[in-house]
Amino acid sequence: MEQEKKYKIHNCKYKMFFDQLKNLNRKTVLPAIVVIVFVALIAGNIFLTVRYLKVESQYQACSQRHELNSRVIDFSKLFIEKVLKAKTAISFEDRLNLENAVRNLKDPAILAQWEKFTEVTTQEQAQEEVKNLLDLLVNKFSY
């Protein structure tokens, strides 16, 4: 008996719900659905715009790192080829190319170390400054 009452109560609740749905006319339901869809689309656009801007900023940072890495590698190759592997004195043209390449890095620390290297007077100082310059170049390389 008690189960029948519960069944009738539940059945009555569902019947009332469906009766209310039948009473709603299309003039009130359709605009509500359109508003809900519109709000959902706006929220989706905002979410995707925020994600896009985040990815774009990450891409810019990565692109700048890649550009710096390329310049550091190019200078390192030129330095190794023209200075470390040199069998004779370095020509004026090679010195000019090295100077332009180090300035193209646009890094004050590397430029300062380069200037220390170019101002040395002894072989021992030159070896020490080369080590410092190469260490700095390797540490500037980022991934």
Protein backbone atom coordinates (compact mmCIF):
# COMPACT_ATOMS: atom_id res chain seq x y z
CA MET A 1 0.00 0.00 0.00
CA GLU A 2 2.76 2.40 0.93
CA GLN A 3 4.61 1.61 -2.27
CA GLU A 4 1.52 2.40 -4.27
CA LYS A 5 1.33 5.82 -2.59
CA LYS A 6 4.98 6.50 -3.41
CA TYR A 7 4.36 5.42 -6.98
CA LYS A 8 1.31 7.67 -7.25
CA ILE A 9 3.22 10.61 -5.72
CA HIS A 10 6.14 10.17 -8.16
CA ASN A 11 3.76 9.61 -11.03
CA CYS A 12 1.85 12.73 -10.04
CA LYS A 13 5.07 14.81 -9.93
CA TYR A 14 6.08 13.71 -13.39
CA LYS A 15 2.60 14.32 -14.73
CA MET A 16 2.64 17.87 -13.33
CA PHE A 17 6.05 18.49 -14.89
CA PHE A 18 4.92 17.34 -18.31
CA ASP A 19 1.69 19.31 -18.01
CA GLN A 20 3.73 22.43 -17.32
CA LEU A 21 5.87 21.72 -20.36
CA LYS A 22 2.78 21.40 -22.53
CA ASN A 23 1.51 24.73 -21.23
CA LEU A 24 4.66 26.56 -22.33
CA ASN A 25 4.19 28.01 -25.74
CA ARG A 26 6.80 28.40 -28.44
CA LYS A 27 6.94 32.15 -28.04
CA THR A 28 8.58 31.83 -24.60
CA VAL A 29 10.65 28.68 -25.12
CA LEU A 30 12.31 29.54 -28.42
CA PRO A 31 13.76 32.92 -27.30
CA ALA A 32 15.03 31.27 -24.10
CA ILE A 33 16.80 28.58 -26.11
CA VAL A 34 18.26 31.19 -28.45
CA VAL A 35 19.56 33.22 -25.49
CA ILE A 36 21.09 30.13 -23.91
CA VAL A 37 22.82 29.14 -27.15
CA PHE A 38 24.01 32.72 -27.70
CA VAL A 39 25.48 32.93 -24.19
CA ALA A 40 27.16 29.56 -24.66
CA LEU A 41 28.70 30.70 -27.95
CA ILE A 42 29.94 33.95 -26.39
CA ALA A 43 31.48 32.02 -23.49
CA GLY A 44 33.14 29.64 -25.95
CA ASN A 45 34.55 32.53 -27.95
CA ILE A 46 35.94 34.18 -24.82
CA PHE A 47 37.53 30.91 -23.69
CA LEU A 48 39.09 30.27 -27.11
CA THR A 49 40.35 33.87 -27.36
CA VAL A 50 42.08 33.61 -23.99
CA ARG A 51 43.65 30.29 -24.99
CA TYR A 52 44.78 31.75 -28.32
CA LEU A 53 46.42 34.75 -26.65
CA LYS A 54 48.21 32.48 -24.19
CA VAL A 55 49.54 30.23 -26.96
CA GLU A 56 50.50 33.26 -29.06
CA SER A 57 52.58 34.72 -26.22
CA GLN A 58 54.28 31.35 -25.70
CA TYR A 59 55.01 31.17 -29.42
CA GLN A 60 56.53 34.66 -29.40
CA ALA A 61 58.79 33.77 -26.47
CA CYS A 62 59.84 30.55 -28.16
CA SER A 63 60.48 32.36 -31.43
CA GLN A 64 62.69 34.93 -29.70
CA ARG A 65 64.64 32.17 -27.93
CA HIS A 66 65.09 30.37 -31.25
CA GLU A 67 66.36 33.55 -32.91
CA LEU A 68 68.85 34.19 -30.10
CA ASN A 69 69.99 30.56 -30.20
CA SER A 70 70.57 30.80 -33.96
CA ARG A 71 72.66 33.95 -33.58
CA VAL A 72 74.67 32.43 -30.70
CA ILE A 73 75.37 29.28 -32.70
CA ASP A 74 76.33 31.28 -35.79
CA PHE A 75 78.73 33.43 -33.79
CA SER A 76 80.16 30.37 -32.00
CA LYS A 77 80.81 28.62 -35.31
CA LEU A 78 82.46 31.71 -36.75
CA PHE A 79 84.56 32.19 -33.59
CA ILE A 80 85.72 28.58 -33.58
CA GLU A 81 86.48 28.62 -37.30
CA LYS A 82 88.27 31.98 -37.45
CA VAL A 83 89.93 32.17 -34.02
CA LEU A 84 90.36 28.76 -32.42
CA LYS A 85 91.22 26.86 -35.62
CA ALA A 86 93.33 29.67 -37.08
CA LYS A 87 96.84 28.68 -38.09
CA THR A 88 97.89 32.23 -38.89
CA ALA A 89 97.08 35.71 -37.63
CA ILE A 90 93.43 36.70 -37.93
CA SER A 91 92.81 39.01 -40.88
CA PHE A 92 91.16 42.41 -40.53
CA GLU A 93 88.14 41.19 -42.49
CA ASP A 94 87.68 38.19 -40.17
CA ARG A 95 87.98 40.47 -37.13
CA LEU A 96 85.36 42.76 -38.61
CA ASN A 97 83.04 39.81 -39.29
CA LEU A 98 83.49 38.58 -35.72
CA GLU A 99 82.84 42.04 -34.31
CA ASN A 100 79.66 42.41 -36.37
CA ALA A 101 78.49 38.95 -35.38
CA VAL A 102 79.01 39.60 -31.66
CA ARG A 103 77.18 42.93 -31.90
CA ASN A 104 74.37 41.20 -33.80
CA LEU A 105 73.78 39.05 -30.71
CA LYS A 106 72.55 42.18 -28.90
CA ASP A 107 73.63 40.74 -25.59
CA PRO A 108 75.59 43.08 -23.28
CA ALA A 109 77.21 40.26 -21.30
CA ILE A 110 78.61 38.55 -24.40
CA LEU A 111 79.73 41.89 -25.84
CA ALA A 112 81.52 42.75 -22.58
CA GLN A 113 83.26 39.38 -22.53
CA TRP A 114 84.21 39.81 -26.20
CA GLU A 115 85.76 43.19 -25.41
CA LYS A 116 87.73 41.63 -22.54
CA PHE A 117 88.99 38.98 -24.98
CA THR A 118 90.03 41.51 -27.62
CA GLU A 119 91.90 43.68 -25.09
CA VAL A 120 94.21 40.96 -23.72
CA THR A 121 97.95 41.26 -24.16
CA THR A 122 99.29 37.82 -23.18
CA GLN A 123 98.66 34.31 -24.39
CA GLU A 124 97.58 33.14 -20.93
CA GLN A 125 95.03 35.94 -20.60
CA ALA A 126 93.72 35.17 -24.08
CA GLN A 127 93.22 31.50 -23.20
CA GLU A 128 91.38 32.43 -20.01
CA GLU A 129 89.12 34.93 -21.78
CA VAL A 130 88.37 32.42 -24.57
CA LYS A 131 87.27 29.93 -21.93
CA ASN A 132 85.07 32.58 -20.31
CA LEU A 133 83.58 33.60 -23.67
CA LEU A 134 82.81 30.03 -24.70
CA ASP A 135 81.30 29.30 -21.28
CA LEU A 136 79.09 32.37 -21.59
CA LEU A 137 78.02 31.39 -25.12
CA VAL A 138 77.09 27.87 -24.03
CA ASN A 139 75.13 29.22 -21.03
CA LYS A 140 73.24 31.67 -23.25
CA PHE A 141 71.95 28.83 -25.38
CA SER A 142 68.48 27.95 -24.13
CA TYR A 143 65.85 25.43 -25.20
